[in-house]
Amino acid sequence: MQKKNNKRIRLKAKIRAKILGTEDRPRLSVFRSNKFIYAQVIDDTKGKTLAQASDIKIIKGTKTERAKEVGRMIGEVCQKVKIYKVVFDRNGFKYTGRIKTVADEARAGGLKF
Protein backbone atom coordinates (compact mmCIF):
# COMPACT_ATOMS: atom_id res chain seq x y z
CA MET A 1 0.00 0.00 0.00
CA GLN A 2 2.78 2.43 0.90
CA LYS A 3 4.48 1.73 -2.42
CA LYS A 4 1.32 2.65 -4.35
CA ASN A 5 0.91 5.93 -2.44
CA ASN A 6 4.58 6.84 -3.02
CA LYS A 7 4.04 6.37 -6.77
CA ARG A 8 1.00 8.67 -6.65
CA ILE A 9 2.97 11.31 -4.76
CA ARG A 10 5.78 11.17 -7.36
CA LEU A 11 3.22 11.54 -10.16
CA LYS A 12 1.58 14.40 -8.29
CA ALA A 13 4.89 16.27 -8.10
CA LYS A 14 5.47 15.70 -11.82
CA ILE A 15 2.00 17.03 -12.68
CA ARG A 16 2.28 20.03 -10.33
CA ALA A 17 5.55 21.06 -11.97
CA LYS A 18 3.58 21.71 -15.16
CA ILE A 19 0.27 22.99 -13.72
CA LEU A 20 -0.08 26.36 -12.01
CA GLY A 21 -3.32 27.96 -10.91
CA THR A 22 -3.43 31.70 -11.60
CA GLU A 23 -5.99 34.36 -10.77
CA ASP A 24 -7.49 34.05 -14.28
CA ARG A 25 -7.42 30.23 -14.34
CA PRO A 26 -7.24 28.73 -10.85
CA ARG A 27 -6.42 25.06 -10.28
CA LEU A 28 -9.25 22.57 -9.62
CA SER A 29 -7.62 19.96 -7.39
CA VAL A 30 -9.44 16.67 -6.74
CA PHE A 31 -8.44 14.31 -3.92
CA ARG A 32 -9.91 10.85 -3.50
CA SER A 33 -9.64 8.91 -0.26
CA ASN A 34 -11.10 5.48 0.42
CA LYS A 35 -14.23 7.01 1.96
CA PHE A 36 -14.63 10.52 0.56
CA ILE A 37 -13.82 12.78 -2.38
CA TYR A 38 -12.79 16.43 -2.14
CA ALA A 39 -12.52 19.17 -4.74
CA GLN A 40 -11.08 22.63 -4.28
CA VAL A 41 -10.28 25.57 -6.53
CA ILE A 42 -6.92 27.14 -5.66
CA ASP A 43 -5.14 30.32 -6.73
CA ASP A 44 -1.47 29.26 -6.45
CA THR A 45 -0.08 32.78 -6.91
CA LYS A 46 -1.75 33.93 -3.68
CA GLY A 47 -1.91 30.52 -2.02
CA LYS A 48 -5.66 30.86 -1.40
CA THR A 49 -8.50 28.37 -1.72
CA LEU A 50 -11.29 30.11 -3.63
CA ALA A 51 -13.96 27.38 -3.52
CA GLN A 52 -14.32 23.86 -2.15
CA ALA A 53 -16.74 20.94 -2.03
CA SER A 54 -16.69 17.46 -0.51
CA ASP A 55 -19.01 14.55 0.13
CA ILE A 56 -18.43 14.29 3.88
CA LYS A 57 -21.96 15.48 4.69
CA ILE A 58 -23.61 13.47 1.88
CA ILE A 59 -24.78 10.20 3.39
CA LYS A 60 -26.86 8.52 0.71
CA GLY A 61 -25.67 6.98 -2.53
CA THR A 62 -22.66 5.11 -3.82
CA LYS A 63 -19.21 6.67 -4.00
CA THR A 64 -19.72 7.41 -7.70
CA GLU A 65 -23.07 9.11 -7.08
CA ARG A 66 -21.49 11.20 -4.32
CA ALA A 67 -18.60 12.13 -6.65
CA LYS A 68 -21.18 13.28 -9.19
CA GLU A 69 -22.75 15.48 -6.51
CA VAL A 70 -19.35 16.95 -5.55
CA GLY A 71 -18.68 17.83 -9.20
CA ARG A 72 -22.06 19.53 -9.44
CA MET A 73 -21.50 21.41 -6.16
CA ILE A 74 -18.03 22.67 -7.16
CA GLY A 75 -19.49 23.89 -10.46
CA GLU A 76 -22.23 25.82 -8.63
CA VAL A 77 -19.84 27.35 -6.08
CA CYS A 78 -17.48 28.47 -8.83
CA GLN A 79 -20.33 30.14 -10.71
CA LYS A 80 -21.24 32.07 -7.54
CA VAL A 81 -17.69 33.42 -7.14
CA LYS A 82 -17.46 34.10 -10.89
CA ILE A 83 -14.89 31.45 -11.79
CA TYR A 84 -15.53 30.03 -15.26
CA LYS A 85 -12.15 28.64 -16.41
CA VAL A 86 -9.92 26.35 -14.38
CA VAL A 87 -6.92 24.05 -14.81
CA PHE A 88 -7.72 20.47 -13.77
CA ASP A 89 -5.34 18.79 -11.31
CA ARG A 90 -6.03 15.08 -10.91
CA ASN A 91 -3.53 14.96 -8.03
CA GLY A 92 -1.64 11.88 -9.27
CA PHE A 93 -4.78 9.75 -9.62
CA LYS A 94 -5.74 8.10 -12.90
CA TYR A 95 -8.37 9.96 -14.91
CA THR A 96 -11.05 7.28 -14.52
CA GLY A 97 -13.88 6.48 -12.16
CA ARG A 98 -14.68 9.06 -9.49
CA ILE A 99 -12.03 11.55 -10.68
CA LYS A 100 -13.53 11.56 -14.20
CA THR A 101 -17.05 11.81 -12.76
CA VAL A 102 -16.14 14.94 -10.78
CA ALA A 103 -14.54 16.48 -13.87
CA ASP A 104 -17.52 15.71 -16.12
CA GLU A 105 -20.04 17.11 -13.63
CA ALA A 106 -17.92 20.23 -13.06
CA ARG A 107 -17.95 20.78 -16.85
CA ALA A 108 -21.72 20.28 -16.86
CA GLY A 109 -21.91 22.85 -14.03
CA GLY A 110 -20.33 25.48 -16.27
CA LEU A 111 -16.57 25.17 -15.71
CA LYS A 112 -14.28 25.11 -18.73
CA PHE A 113 -11.04 23.11 -18.75
C-alpha atoms as a PDB file:
ATOM      1  CA  MET A   1       0.000   0.000   0.000  1.00  0.00           C
ATOM      2  CA  GLN A   2       2.777   2.427   0.904  1.00  0.00           C
ATOM      3  CA  LYS A   3       4.482   1.725  -2.420  1.00  0.00           C
ATOM      4  CA  LYS A   4       1.321   2.649  -4.348  1.00  0.00           C
ATOM      5  CA  ASN A   5       0.915   5.928  -2.442  1.00  0.00           C
ATOM      6  CA  ASN A   6       4.578   6.841  -3.024  1.00  0.00           C
ATOM      7  CA  LYS A   7       4.041   6.369  -6.768  1.00  0.00           C
ATOM      8  CA  ARG A   8       1.000   8.668  -6.652  1.00  0.00           C
ATOM      9  CA  ILE A   9       2.965  11.313  -4.761  1.00  0.00           C
ATOM     10  CA  ARG A  10       5.778  11.166  -7.355  1.00  0.00           C
ATOM     11  CA  LEU A  11       3.215  11.537 -10.160  1.00  0.00           C
ATOM     12  CA  LYS A  12       1.581  14.402  -8.285  1.00  0.00           C
ATOM     13  CA  ALA A  13       4.892  16.269  -8.104  1.00  0.00           C
ATOM     14  CA  LYS A  14       5.465  15.704 -11.819  1.00  0.00           C
ATOM     15  CA  ILE A  15       2.003  17.029 -12.682  1.00  0.00           C
ATOM     16  CA  ARG A  16       2.277  20.029 -10.328  1.00  0.00           C
ATOM     17  CA  ALA A  17       5.552  21.061 -11.967  1.00  0.00           C
ATOM     18  CA  LYS A  18       3.578  21.706 -15.161  1.00  0.00           C
ATOM     19  CA  ILE A  19       0.267  22.989 -13.723  1.00  0.00           C
ATOM     20  CA  LEU A  20      -0.078  26.357 -12.008  1.00  0.00           C
ATOM     21  CA  GLY A  21      -3.324  27.965 -10.915  1.00  0.00           C
ATOM     22  CA  THR A  22      -3.430  31.702 -11.595  1.00  0.00           C
ATOM     23  CA  GLU A  23      -5.993  34.356 -10.774  1.00  0.00           C
ATOM     24  CA  ASP A  24      -7.490  34.047 -14.281  1.00  0.00           C
ATOM     25  CA  ARG A  25      -7.420  30.231 -14.338  1.00  0.00           C
ATOM     26  CA  PRO A  26      -7.237  28.726 -10.854  1.00  0.00           C
ATOM     27  CA  ARG A  27      -6.424  25.063 -10.280  1.00  0.00           C
ATOM     28  CA  LEU A  28      -9.246  22.567  -9.621  1.00  0.00           C
ATOM     29  CA  SER A  29      -7.623  19.963  -7.393  1.00  0.00           C
ATOM     30  CA  VAL A  30      -9.440  16.667  -6.741  1.00  0.00           C
ATOM     31  CA  PHE A  31      -8.442  14.314  -3.917  1.00  0.00           C
ATOM     32  CA  ARG A  32      -9.910  10.854  -3.503  1.00  0.00           C
ATOM     33  CA  SER A  33      -9.639   8.908  -0.263  1.00  0.00           C
ATOM     34  CA  ASN A  34     -11.099   5.484   0.418  1.00  0.00           C
ATOM     35  CA  LYS A  35     -14.232   7.011   1.962  1.00  0.00           C
ATOM     36  CA  PHE A  36     -14.627  10.524   0.563  1.00  0.00           C
ATOM     37  CA  ILE A  37     -13.825  12.778  -2.377  1.00  0.00           C
ATOM     38  CA  TYR A  38     -12.789  16.426  -2.141  1.00  0.00           C
ATOM     39  CA  ALA A  39     -12.519  19.174  -4.742  1.00  0.00           C
ATOM     40  CA  GLN A  40     -11.076  22.632  -4.276  1.00  0.00           C
ATOM     41  CA  VAL A  41     -10.284  25.567  -6.530  1.00  0.00           C
ATOM     42  CA  ILE A  42      -6.922  27.142  -5.664  1.00  0.00           C
ATOM     43  CA  ASP A  43      -5.139  30.322  -6.728  1.00  0.00           C
ATOM     44  CA  ASP A  44      -1.473  29.263  -6.451  1.00  0.00           C
ATOM     45  CA  THR A  45      -0.079  32.775  -6.909  1.00  0.00           C
ATOM     46  CA  LYS A  46      -1.751  33.927  -3.684  1.00  0.00           C
ATOM     47  CA  GLY A  47      -1.906  30.524  -2.020  1.00  0.00           C
ATOM     48  CA  LYS A  48      -5.658  30.856  -1.399  1.00  0.00           C
ATOM     49  CA  THR A  49      -8.501  28.373  -1.716  1.00  0.00           C
ATOM     50  CA  LEU A  50     -11.293  30.108  -3.631  1.00  0.00           C
ATOM     51  CA  ALA A  51     -13.961  27.376  -3.515  1.00  0.00           C
ATOM     52  CA  GLN A  52     -14.318  23.862  -2.149  1.00  0.00           C
ATOM     53  CA  ALA A  53     -16.741  20.938  -2.026  1.00  0.00           C
ATOM     54  CA  SER A  54     -16.685  17.463  -0.509  1.00  0.00           C
ATOM     55  CA  ASP A  55     -19.014  14.553   0.135  1.00  0.00           C
ATOM     56  CA  ILE A  56     -18.431  14.294   3.876  1.00  0.00           C
ATOM     57  CA  LYS A  57     -21.962  15.480   4.690  1.00  0.00           C
ATOM     58  CA  ILE A  58     -23.608  13.471   1.876  1.00  0.00           C
ATOM     59  CA  ILE A  59     -24.781  10.201   3.395  1.00  0.00           C
ATOM     60  CA  LYS A  60     -26.860   8.516   0.709  1.00  0.00           C
ATOM     61  CA  GLY A  61     -25.667   6.975  -2.528  1.00  0.00           C
ATOM     62  CA  THR A  62     -22.662   5.114  -3.822  1.00  0.00           C
ATOM     63  CA  LYS A  63     -19.213   6.667  -4.003  1.00  0.00           C
ATOM     64  CA  THR A  64     -19.720   7.408  -7.701  1.00  0.00           C
ATOM     65  CA  GLU A  65     -23.071   9.110  -7.081  1.00  0.00           C
ATOM     66  CA  ARG A  66     -21.494  11.195  -4.322  1.00  0.00           C
ATOM     67  CA  ALA A  67     -18.595  12.128  -6.652  1.00  0.00           C
ATOM     68  CA  LYS A  68     -21.177  13.283  -9.192  1.00  0.00           C
ATOM     69  CA  GLU A  69     -22.752  15.476  -6.506  1.00  0.00           C
ATOM     70  CA  VAL A  70     -19.349  16.949  -5.552  1.00  0.00           C
ATOM     71  CA  GLY A  71     -18.677  17.829  -9.196  1.00  0.00           C
ATOM     72  CA  ARG A  72     -22.065  19.529  -9.435  1.00  0.00           C
ATOM     73  CA  MET A  73     -21.496  21.406  -6.157  1.00  0.00           C
ATOM     74  CA  ILE A  74     -18.030  22.675  -7.164  1.00  0.00           C
ATOM     75  CA  GLY A  75     -19.491  23.887 -10.463  1.00  0.00           C
ATOM     76  CA  GLU A  76     -22.228  25.820  -8.626  1.00  0.00           C
ATOM     77  CA  VAL A  77     -19.845  27.345  -6.076  1.00  0.00           C
ATOM     78  CA  CYS A  78     -17.479  28.472  -8.832  1.00  0.00           C
ATOM     79  CA  GLN A  79     -20.331  30.136 -10.713  1.00  0.00           C
ATOM     80  CA  LYS A  80     -21.239  32.071  -7.543  1.00  0.00           C
ATOM     81  CA  VAL A  81     -17.692  33.417  -7.138  1.00  0.00           C
ATOM     82  CA  LYS A  82     -17.460  34.099 -10.891  1.00  0.00           C
ATOM     83  CA  ILE A  83     -14.892  31.451 -11.795  1.00  0.00           C
ATOM     84  CA  TYR A  84     -15.529  30.031 -15.262  1.00  0.00           C
ATOM     85  CA  LYS A  85     -12.150  28.641 -16.414  1.00  0.00           C
ATOM     86  CA  VAL A  86      -9.920  26.345 -14.376  1.00  0.00           C
ATOM     87  CA  VAL A  87      -6.921  24.048 -14.806  1.00  0.00           C
ATOM     88  CA  PHE A  88      -7.725  20.467 -13.769  1.00  0.00           C
ATOM     89  CA  ASP A  89      -5.343  18.788 -11.311  1.00  0.00           C
ATOM     90  CA  ARG A  90      -6.029  15.080 -10.912  1.00  0.00           C
ATOM     91  CA  ASN A  91      -3.527  14.960  -8.035  1.00  0.00           C
ATOM     92  CA  GLY A  92      -1.639  11.875  -9.271  1.00  0.00           C
ATOM     93  CA  PHE A  93      -4.783   9.755  -9.624  1.00  0.00           C
ATOM     94  CA  LYS A  94      -5.736   8.095 -12.905  1.00  0.00           C
ATOM     95  CA  TYR A  95      -8.371   9.958 -14.914  1.00  0.00           C
ATOM     96  CA  THR A  96     -11.048   7.285 -14.524  1.00  0.00           C
ATOM     97  CA  GLY A  97     -13.878   6.483 -12.156  1.00  0.00           C
ATOM     98  CA  ARG A  98     -14.676   9.057  -9.495  1.00  0.00           C
ATOM     99  CA  ILE A  99     -12.034  11.550 -10.682  1.00  0.00           C
ATOM    100  CA  LYS A 100     -13.526  11.563 -14.196  1.00  0.00           C
ATOM    101  CA  THR A 101     -17.047  11.813 -12.763  1.00  0.00           C
ATOM    102  CA  VAL A 102     -16.141  14.938 -10.778  1.00  0.00           C
ATOM    103  CA  ALA A 103     -14.535  16.484 -13.874  1.00  0.00           C
ATOM    104  CA  ASP A 104     -17.523  15.706 -16.117  1.00  0.00           C
ATOM    105  CA  GLU A 105     -20.040  17.109 -13.632  1.00  0.00           C
ATOM    106  CA  ALA A 106     -17.921  20.232 -13.061  1.00  0.00           C
ATOM    107  CA  ARG A 107     -17.950  20.777 -16.847  1.00  0.00           C
ATOM    108  CA  ALA A 108     -21.724  20.276 -16.857  1.00  0.00           C
ATOM    109  CA  GLY A 109     -21.910  22.845 -14.028  1.00  0.00           C
ATOM    110  CA  GLY A 110     -20.329  25.482 -16.268  1.00  0.00           C
ATOM    111  CA  LEU A 111     -16.572  25.167 -15.705  1.00  0.00           C
ATOM    112  CA  LYS A 112     -14.275  25.109 -18.729  1.00  0.00           C
ATOM    113  CA  PHE A 113     -11.038  23.109 -18.754  1.00  0.00           C
END
